[in-house]
Amino acid sequence: MTAPASSPGIDRRWVVAAAVAVARHPSLWFTALRQVRRLAAPGWWRRSPHLPLPDPAYLRFRLETQYGTDRAPDPDDIVTYLHWCHMT
């Protein structure tokens, strides 16, 4: 099952924008890596593109419940989420 072309879950532009936003906060780098590891789909290393990405269905669900279907995540929200993870 793949996401529709308009889904923010498959638009790589927001991923790059989020990475740039996180790169500006060195104190969150370890937290970001920890969250990538925790959210990675099981067996990610066996499937192309061999990156620790979350399950696409899970990502679509999380993004749709947060933002609806018509907008991509705000990079500042990613930073806020990582600050929250860092504190817990």
PDB file of N, CA and C in Angstrom:
ATOM      1  N   MET A   1       0.848  -1.173   0.000  1.00  0.00           N
ATOM      2  CA  MET A   1       0.000   0.000   0.000  1.00  0.00           C
ATOM      3  C   MET A   1       0.893   1.235   0.000  1.00  0.00           C
ATOM      4  N   THR A   2       0.682   2.160  -0.905  1.00  0.00           N
ATOM      5  CA  THR A   2       1.467   3.380  -0.965  1.00  0.00           C
ATOM      6  C   THR A   2       0.576   4.574  -0.691  1.00  0.00           C
ATOM      7  N   ALA A   3       1.200   5.654  -0.265  1.00  0.00           N
ATOM      8  CA  ALA A   3       0.456   6.871   0.057  1.00  0.00           C
ATOM      9  C   ALA A   3       0.113   7.625  -1.207  1.00  0.00           C
ATOM     10  N   PRO A   4      -0.976   8.376  -1.203  1.00  0.00           N
ATOM     11  CA  PRO A   4      -1.287   9.221  -2.331  1.00  0.00           C
ATOM     12  C   PRO A   4      -0.192  10.266  -2.519  1.00  0.00           C
ATOM     13  N   ALA A   5      -0.062  10.759  -3.739  1.00  0.00           N
ATOM     14  CA  ALA A   5       0.995  11.712  -4.047  1.00  0.00           C
ATOM     15  C   ALA A   5       0.906  12.968  -3.187  1.00  0.00           C
ATOM     16  N   SER A   6      -0.273  13.333  -2.725  1.00  0.00           N
ATOM     17  CA  SER A   6      -0.424  14.548  -1.930  1.00  0.00           C
ATOM     18  C   SER A   6      -0.136  14.328  -0.448  1.00  0.00           C
ATOM     19  N   SER A   7       0.110  13.099  -0.044  1.00  0.00           N
ATOM     20  CA  SER A   7       0.326  12.806   1.359  1.00  0.00           C
ATOM     21  C   SER A   7       1.646  13.381   1.845  1.00  0.00           C
ATOM     22  N   PRO A   8       1.659  14.069   3.023  1.00  0.00           N
ATOM     23  CA  PRO A   8       2.914  14.588   3.547  1.00  0.00           C
ATOM     24  C   PRO A   8       3.865  13.481   3.965  1.00  0.00           C
ATOM     25  N   GLY A   9       3.369  12.262   4.112  1.00  0.00           N
ATOM     26  CA  GLY A   9       4.215  11.161   4.530  1.00  0.00           C
ATOM     27  C   GLY A   9       5.263  10.774   3.515  1.00  0.00           C
ATOM     28  N   ILE A  10       5.099  11.117   2.249  1.00  0.00           N
ATOM     29  CA  ILE A  10       6.069  10.722   1.243  1.00  0.00           C
ATOM     30  C   ILE A  10       6.816  11.905   0.644  1.00  0.00           C
ATOM     31  N   ASP A  11       6.547  13.103   1.078  1.00  0.00           N
ATOM     32  CA  ASP A  11       7.215  14.289   0.553  1.00  0.00           C
ATOM     33  C   ASP A  11       8.538  14.476   1.280  1.00  0.00           C
ATOM     34  N   ARG A  12       9.614  14.248   0.580  1.00  0.00           N
ATOM     35  CA  ARG A  12      10.936  14.300   1.193  1.00  0.00           C
ATOM     36  C   ARG A  12      11.381  15.727   1.535  1.00  0.00           C
ATOM     37  N   ARG A  13      10.716  16.721   0.987  1.00  0.00           N
ATOM     38  CA  ARG A  13      11.094  18.109   1.283  1.00  0.00           C
ATOM     39  C   ARG A  13      10.939  18.421   2.766  1.00  0.00           C
ATOM     40  N   TRP A  14       9.861  17.919   3.387  1.00  0.00           N
ATOM     41  CA  TRP A  14       9.688  18.209   4.809  1.00  0.00           C
ATOM     42  C   TRP A  14      10.715  17.465   5.649  1.00  0.00           C
ATOM     43  N   VAL A  15      11.169  16.308   5.167  1.00  0.00           N
ATOM     44  CA  VAL A  15      12.198  15.563   5.898  1.00  0.00           C
ATOM     45  C   VAL A  15      13.501  16.359   5.902  1.00  0.00           C
ATOM     46  N   VAL A  16      13.858  16.919   4.752  1.00  0.00           N
ATOM     47  CA  VAL A  16      15.072  17.736   4.666  1.00  0.00           C
ATOM     48  C   VAL A  16      14.932  18.982   5.542  1.00  0.00           C
ATOM     49  N   ALA A  17      13.784  19.642   5.487  1.00  0.00           N
ATOM     50  CA  ALA A  17      13.559  20.834   6.312  1.00  0.00           C
ATOM     51  C   ALA A  17      13.653  20.484   7.799  1.00  0.00           C
ATOM     52  N   ALA A  18      13.122  19.339   8.189  1.00  0.00           N
ATOM     53  CA  ALA A  18      13.195  18.912   9.592  1.00  0.00           C
ATOM     54  C   ALA A  18      14.638  18.609   9.979  1.00  0.00           C
ATOM     55  N   ALA A  19      15.385  17.971   9.090  1.00  0.00           N
ATOM     56  CA  ALA A  19      16.790  17.659   9.384  1.00  0.00           C
ATOM     57  C   ALA A  19      17.603  18.938   9.565  1.00  0.00           C
ATOM     58  N   VAL A  20      17.342  19.928   8.736  1.00  0.00           N
ATOM     59  CA  VAL A  20      18.032  21.216   8.874  1.00  0.00           C
ATOM     60  C   VAL A  20      17.667  21.866  10.207  1.00  0.00           C
ATOM     61  N   ALA A  21      16.392  21.817  10.573  1.00  0.00           N
ATOM     62  CA  ALA A  21      15.953  22.402  11.841  1.00  0.00           C
ATOM     63  C   ALA A  21      16.619  21.699  13.025  1.00  0.00           C
ATOM     64  N   VAL A  22      16.704  20.390  12.970  1.00  0.00           N
ATOM     65  CA  VAL A  22      17.332  19.630  14.061  1.00  0.00           C
ATOM     66  C   VAL A  22      18.845  19.883  14.076  1.00  0.00           C
ATOM     67  N   ALA A  23      19.446  20.039  12.914  1.00  0.00           N
ATOM     68  CA  ALA A  23      20.889  20.294  12.845  1.00  0.00           C
ATOM     69  C   ALA A  23      21.273  21.584  13.568  1.00  0.00           C
ATOM     70  N   ARG A  24      20.347  22.499  13.672  1.00  0.00           N
ATOM     71  CA  ARG A  24      20.596  23.763  14.376  1.00  0.00           C
ATOM     72  C   ARG A  24      20.574  23.615  15.899  1.00  0.00           C
ATOM     73  N   HIS A  25      20.240  22.417  16.383  1.00  0.00           N
ATOM     74  CA  HIS A  25      20.137  22.156  17.826  1.00  0.00           C
ATOM     75  C   HIS A  25      21.008  20.953  18.196  1.00  0.00           C
ATOM     76  N   PRO A  26      22.331  21.156  18.323  1.00  0.00           N
ATOM     77  CA  PRO A  26      23.221  20.023  18.627  1.00  0.00           C
ATOM     78  C   PRO A  26      22.831  19.236  19.875  1.00  0.00           C
ATOM     79  N   SER A  27      22.188  19.875  20.836  1.00  0.00           N
ATOM     80  CA  SER A  27      21.786  19.153  22.047  1.00  0.00           C
ATOM     81  C   SER A  27      20.717  18.108  21.769  1.00  0.00           C
ATOM     82  N   LEU A  28      20.081  18.180  20.610  1.00  0.00           N
ATOM     83  CA  LEU A  28      19.023  17.227  20.258  1.00  0.00           C
ATOM     84  C   LEU A  28      19.497  16.121  19.321  1.00  0.00           C
ATOM     85  N   TRP A  29      20.738  16.160  18.869  1.00  0.00           N
ATOM     86  CA  TRP A  29      21.207  15.184  17.890  1.00  0.00           C
ATOM     87  C   TRP A  29      21.100  13.757  18.421  1.00  0.00           C
ATOM     88  N   PHE A  30      21.562  13.522  19.646  1.00  0.00           N
ATOM     89  CA  PHE A  30      21.481  12.173  20.210  1.00  0.00           C
ATOM     90  C   PHE A  30      20.025  11.740  20.362  1.00  0.00           C
ATOM     91  N   THR A  31      19.196  12.653  20.821  1.00  0.00           N
ATOM     92  CA  THR A  31      17.770  12.353  20.979  1.00  0.00           C
ATOM     93  C   THR A  31      17.145  12.017  19.634  1.00  0.00           C
ATOM     94  N   ALA A  32      17.505  12.766  18.601  1.00  0.00           N
ATOM     95  CA  ALA A  32      16.970  12.500  17.254  1.00  0.00           C
ATOM     96  C   ALA A  32      17.397  11.114  16.769  1.00  0.00           C
ATOM     97  N   LEU A  33      18.655  10.756  16.978  1.00  0.00           N
ATOM     98  CA  LEU A  33      19.125   9.426  16.567  1.00  0.00           C
ATOM     99  C   LEU A  33      18.416   8.325  17.347  1.00  0.00           C
ATOM    100  N   ARG A  34      18.205   8.571  18.640  1.00  0.00           N
ATOM    101  CA  ARG A  34      17.487   7.588  19.464  1.00  0.00           C
ATOM    102  C   ARG A  34      16.055   7.398  18.954  1.00  0.00           C
ATOM    103  N   GLN A  35      15.382   8.494  18.596  1.00  0.00           N
ATOM    104  CA  GLN A  35      14.009   8.394  18.095  1.00  0.00           C
ATOM    105  C   GLN A  35      13.961   7.724  16.728  1.00  0.00           C
ATOM    106  N   VAL A  36      14.938   7.990  15.889  1.00  0.00           N
ATOM    107  CA  VAL A  36      14.997   7.303  14.590  1.00  0.00           C
ATOM    108  C   VAL A  36      15.086   5.802  14.824  1.00  0.00           C
ATOM    109  N   ARG A  37      15.941   5.401  15.755  1.00  0.00           N
ATOM    110  CA  ARG A  37      16.085   3.968  16.057  1.00  0.00           C
ATOM    111  C   ARG A  37      14.792   3.370  16.607  1.00  0.00           C
ATOM    112  N   ARG A  38      14.125   4.103  17.488  1.00  0.00           N
ATOM    113  CA  ARG A  38      12.886   3.596  18.089  1.00  0.00           C
ATOM    114  C   ARG A  38      11.730   3.503  17.089  1.00  0.00           C
ATOM    115  N   LEU A  39      11.677   4.438  16.157  1.00  0.00           N
ATOM    116  CA  LEU A  39      10.560   4.478  15.208  1.00  0.00           C
ATOM    117  C   LEU A  39      10.806   3.663  13.942  1.00  0.00           C
ATOM    118  N   ALA A  40      12.031   3.201  13.754  1.00  0.00           N
ATOM    119  CA  ALA A  40      12.358   2.443  12.537  1.00  0.00           C
ATOM    120  C   ALA A  40      11.508   1.176  12.460  1.00  0.00           C
ATOM    121  N   ALA A  41      11.042   0.886  11.255  1.00  0.00           N
ATOM    122  CA  ALA A  41      10.254  -0.328  11.029  1.00  0.00           C
ATOM    123  C   ALA A  41      11.123  -1.559  11.295  1.00  0.00           C
ATOM    124  N   PRO A  42      10.547  -2.580  11.903  1.00  0.00           N
ATOM    125  CA  PRO A  42      11.321  -3.801  12.144  1.00  0.00           C
ATOM    126  C   PRO A  42      11.872  -4.362  10.828  1.00  0.00           C
ATOM    127  N   GLY A  43      13.122  -4.779  10.858  1.00  0.00           N
ATOM    128  CA  GLY A  43      13.759  -5.363   9.678  1.00  0.00           C
ATOM    129  C   GLY A  43      14.064  -4.354   8.582  1.00  0.00           C
ATOM    130  N   TRP A  44      14.202  -3.085   8.930  1.00  0.00           N
ATOM    131  CA  TRP A  44      14.426  -2.042   7.932  1.00  0.00           C
ATOM    132  C   TRP A  44      15.661  -2.300   7.099  1.00  0.00           C
ATOM    133  N   TRP A  45      16.657  -2.960   7.650  1.00  0.00           N
ATOM    134  CA  TRP A  45      17.908  -3.216   6.944  1.00  0.00           C
ATOM    135  C   TRP A  45      17.753  -4.238   5.817  1.00  0.00           C
ATOM    136  N   ARG A  46      16.651  -4.986   5.827  1.00  0.00           N
ATOM    137  CA  ARG A  46      16.416  -5.992   4.788  1.00  0.00           C
ATOM    138  C   ARG A  46      15.697  -5.440   3.563  1.00  0.00           C
ATOM    139  N   ARG A  47      15.154  -4.236   3.682  1.00  0.00           N
ATOM    140  CA  ARG A  47      14.349  -3.668   2.589  1.00  0.00           C
ATOM    141  C   ARG A  47      14.974  -2.381   2.062  1.00  0.00           C
ATOM    142  N   SER A  48      14.870  -2.224   0.767  1.00  0.00           N
ATOM    143  CA  SER A  48      15.337  -0.987   0.149  1.00  0.00           C
ATOM    144  C   SER A  48      14.450   0.149   0.627  1.00  0.00           C
ATOM    145  N   PRO A  49      14.955   1.255   0.942  1.00  0.00           N
ATOM    146  CA  PRO A  49      16.276   1.838   0.687  1.00  0.00           C
ATOM    147  C   PRO A  49      17.295   1.574   1.795  1.00  0.00           C
ATOM    148  N   HIS A  50      17.084   0.597   2.635  1.00  0.00           N
ATOM    149  CA  HIS A  50      18.016   0.198   3.691  1.00  0.00           C
ATOM    150  C   HIS A  50      18.331   1.354   4.645  1.00  0.00           C
ATOM    151  N   LEU A  51      17.298   2.094   4.998  1.00  0.00           N
ATOM    152  CA  LEU A  51      17.402   3.190   5.948  1.00  0.00           C
ATOM    153  C   LEU A  51      16.424   2.951   7.097  1.00  0.00           C
ATOM    154  N   PRO A  52      16.758   3.403   8.292  1.00  0.00           N
ATOM    155  CA  PRO A  52      15.864   3.177   9.444  1.00  0.00           C
ATOM    156  C   PRO A  52      14.661   4.115   9.431  1.00  0.00           C
ATOM    157  N   LEU A  53      13.769   3.885   8.484  1.00  0.00           N
ATOM    158  CA  LEU A  53      12.575   4.711   8.338  1.00  0.00           C
ATOM    159  C   LEU A  53      11.393   4.063   9.051  1.00  0.00           C
ATOM    160  N   PRO A  54      10.457   4.875   9.539  1.00  0.00           N
ATOM    161  CA  PRO A  54       9.256   4.289  10.147  1.00  0.00           C
ATOM    162  C   PRO A  54       8.390   3.626   9.076  1.00  0.00           C
ATOM    163  N   ASP A  55       7.549   2.733   9.513  1.00  0.00           N
ATOM    164  CA  ASP A  55       6.606   2.093   8.603  1.00  0.00           C
ATOM    165  C   ASP A  55       5.775   3.181   7.920  1.00  0.00           C
ATOM    166  N   PRO A  56       5.651   3.151   6.587  1.00  0.00           N
ATOM    167  CA  PRO A  56       4.900   4.207   5.887  1.00  0.00           C
ATOM    168  C   PRO A  56       3.461   4.365   6.369  1.00  0.00           C
ATOM    169  N   ALA A  57       2.779   3.274   6.681  1.00  0.00           N
ATOM    170  CA  ALA A  57       1.400   3.368   7.164  1.00  0.00           C
ATOM    171  C   ALA A  57       1.357   4.072   8.521  1.00  0.00           C
ATOM    172  N   TYR A  58       2.298   3.747   9.399  1.00  0.00           N
ATOM    173  CA  TYR A  58       2.373   4.397  10.710  1.00  0.00           C
ATOM    174  C   TYR A  58       2.649   5.888  10.545  1.00  0.00           C
ATOM    175  N   LEU A  59       3.600   6.222   9.682  1.00  0.00           N
ATOM    176  CA  LEU A  59       3.940   7.625   9.460  1.00  0.00           C
ATOM    177  C   LEU A  59       2.750   8.397   8.896  1.00  0.00           C
ATOM    178  N   ARG A  60       2.055   7.816   7.916  1.00  0.00           N
ATOM    179  CA  ARG A  60       0.867   8.469   7.357  1.00  0.00           C
ATOM    180  C   ARG A  60      -0.178   8.706   8.443  1.00  0.00           C
ATOM    181  N   PHE A  61      -0.410   7.694   9.281  1.00  0.00           N
ATOM    182  CA  PHE A  61      -1.384   7.816  10.365  1.00  0.00           C
ATOM    183  C   PHE A  61      -1.002   8.940  11.320  1.00  0.00           C
ATOM    184  N   ARG A  62       0.253   8.954  11.757  1.00  0.00           N
ATOM    185  CA  ARG A  62       0.690   9.970  12.715  1.00  0.00           C
ATOM    186  C   ARG A  62       0.598  11.368  12.120  1.00  0.00           C
ATOM    187  N   LEU A  63       1.005  11.511  10.855  1.00  0.00           N
ATOM    188  CA  LEU A  63       0.964  12.832  10.228  1.00  0.00           C
ATOM    189  C   LEU A  63      -0.464  13.294   9.976  1.00  0.00           C
ATOM    190  N   GLU A  64      -1.324  12.364   9.589  1.00  0.00           N
ATOM    191  CA  GLU A  64      -2.716  12.744   9.338  1.00  0.00           C
ATOM    192  C   GLU A  64      -3.432  13.126  10.631  1.00  0.00           C
ATOM    193  N   THR A  65      -3.152  12.416  11.721  1.00  0.00           N
ATOM    194  CA  THR A  65      -3.809  12.765  12.976  1.00  0.00           C
ATOM    195  C   THR A  65      -3.295  14.089  13.530  1.00  0.00           C
ATOM    196  N   GLN A  66      -2.073  14.449  13.218  1.00  0.00           N
ATOM    197  CA  GLN A  66      -1.514  15.724  13.688  1.00  0.00           C
ATOM    198  C   GLN A  66      -1.898  16.898  12.786  1.00  0.00           C
ATOM    199  N   TYR A  67      -1.802  16.692  11.471  1.00  0.00           N
ATOM    200  CA  TYR A  67      -1.919  17.807  10.537  1.00  0.00           C
ATOM    201  C   TYR A  67      -3.089  17.716   9.565  1.00  0.00           C
ATOM    202  N   GLY A  68      -3.770  16.607   9.513  1.00  0.00           N
ATOM    203  CA  GLY A  68      -4.788  16.423   8.484  1.00  0.00           C
ATOM    204  C   GLY A  68      -4.119  15.956   7.196  1.00  0.00           C
ATOM    205  N   THR A  69      -4.847  16.004   6.111  1.00  0.00           N
ATOM    206  CA  THR A  69      -4.305  15.475   4.858  1.00  0.00           C
ATOM    207  C   THR A  69      -3.761  16.548   3.928  1.00  0.00           C
ATOM    208  N   ASP A  70      -3.852  17.811   4.317  1.00  0.00           N
ATOM    209  CA  ASP A  70      -3.508  18.852   3.360  1.00  0.00           C
ATOM    210  C   ASP A  70      -2.253  19.650   3.691  1.00  0.00           C
ATOM    211  N   ARG A  71      -1.476  19.214   4.663  1.00  0.00           N
ATOM    212  CA  ARG A  71      -0.255  19.973   4.949  1.00  0.00           C
ATOM    213  C   ARG A  71       0.833  19.081   5.516  1.00  0.00           C
ATOM    214  N   ALA A  72       2.060  19.489   5.274  1.00  0.00           N
ATOM    215  CA  ALA A  72       3.227  18.751   5.745  1.00  0.00           C
ATOM    216  C   ALA A  72       3.590  19.203   7.157  1.00  0.00           C
ATOM    217  N   PRO A  73       4.365  18.403   7.860  1.00  0.00           N
ATOM    218  CA  PRO A  73       4.775  18.768   9.215  1.00  0.00           C
ATOM    219  C   PRO A  73       5.611  20.043   9.231  1.00  0.00           C
ATOM    220  N   ASP A  74       5.471  20.789  10.280  1.00  0.00           N
ATOM    221  CA  ASP A  74       6.277  21.984  10.500  1.00  0.00           C
ATOM    222  C   ASP A  74       7.589  21.548  11.152  1.00  0.00           C
ATOM    223  N   PRO A  75       8.736  21.931  10.598  1.00  0.00           N
ATOM    224  CA  PRO A  75      10.016  21.534  11.206  1.00  0.00           C
ATOM    225  C   PRO A  75      10.138  21.948  12.679  1.00  0.00           C
ATOM    226  N   ASP A  76       9.538  23.068  13.041  1.00  0.00           N
ATOM    227  CA  ASP A  76       9.579  23.486  14.447  1.00  0.00           C
ATOM    228  C   ASP A  76       8.831  22.498  15.346  1.00  0.00           C
ATOM    229  N   ASP A  77       7.805  21.845  14.816  1.00  0.00           N
ATOM    230  CA  ASP A  77       7.093  20.825  15.591  1.00  0.00           C
ATOM    231  C   ASP A  77       7.996  19.621  15.854  1.00  0.00           C
ATOM    232  N   ILE A  78       8.834  19.281  14.894  1.00  0.00           N
ATOM    233  CA  ILE A  78       9.773  18.168  15.069  1.00  0.00           C
ATOM    234  C   ILE A  78      10.757  18.515  16.184  1.00  0.00           C
ATOM    235  N   VAL A  79      11.266  19.735  16.166  1.00  0.00           N
ATOM    236  CA  VAL A  79      12.201  20.182  17.207  1.00  0.00           C
ATOM    237  C   VAL A  79      11.513  20.175  18.568  1.00  0.00           C
ATOM    238  N   THR A  80      10.285  20.651  18.629  1.00  0.00           N
ATOM    239  CA  THR A  80       9.532  20.646  19.884  1.00  0.00           C
ATOM    240  C   THR A  80       9.343  19.220  20.391  1.00  0.00           C
ATOM    241  N   TYR A  81       8.986  18.302  19.489  1.00  0.00           N
ATOM    242  CA  TYR A  81       8.832  16.895  19.852  1.00  0.00           C
ATOM    243  C   TYR A  81      10.153  16.325  20.411  1.00  0.00           C
ATOM    244  N   LEU A  82      11.259  16.648  19.767  1.00  0.00           N
ATOM    245  CA  LEU A  82      12.551  16.129  20.245  1.00  0.00           C
ATOM    246  C   LEU A  82      12.920  16.736  21.590  1.00  0.00           C
ATOM    247  N   HIS A  83      12.581  18.008  21.810  1.00  0.00           N
ATOM    248  CA  HIS A  83      12.806  18.598  23.143  1.00  0.00           C
ATOM    249  C   HIS A  83      12.008  17.833  24.192  1.00  0.00           C
ATOM    250  N   TRP A  84      10.764  17.502  23.857  1.00  0.00           N
ATOM    251  CA  TRP A  84       9.928  16.737  24.779  1.00  0.00           C
ATOM    252  C   TRP A  84      10.536  15.362  25.052  1.00  0.00           C
ATOM    253  N   CYS A  85      11.006  14.692  23.987  1.00  0.00           N
ATOM    254  CA  CYS A  85      11.635  13.383  24.165  1.00  0.00           C
ATOM    255  C   CYS A  85      12.903  13.491  25.005  1.00  0.00           C
ATOM    256  N   HIS A  86      13.627  14.565  24.819  1.00  0.00           N
ATOM    257  CA  HIS A  86      14.880  14.783  25.553  1.00  0.00           C
ATOM    258  C   HIS A  86      14.625  14.935  27.053  1.00  0.00           C
ATOM    259  N   MET A  87      13.492  15.526  27.374  1.00  0.00           N
ATOM    260  CA  MET A  87      13.145  15.778  28.781  1.00  0.00           C
ATOM    261  C   MET A  87      12.614  14.534  29.473  1.00  0.00           C
ATOM    262  N   THR A  88      12.123  13.562  28.721  1.00  0.00           N
ATOM    263  CA  THR A  88      11.536  12.378  29.365  1.00  0.00           C
ATOM    264  C   THR A  88      12.532  11.265  29.507  1.00  0.00           C
TER     265      THR A  88
END
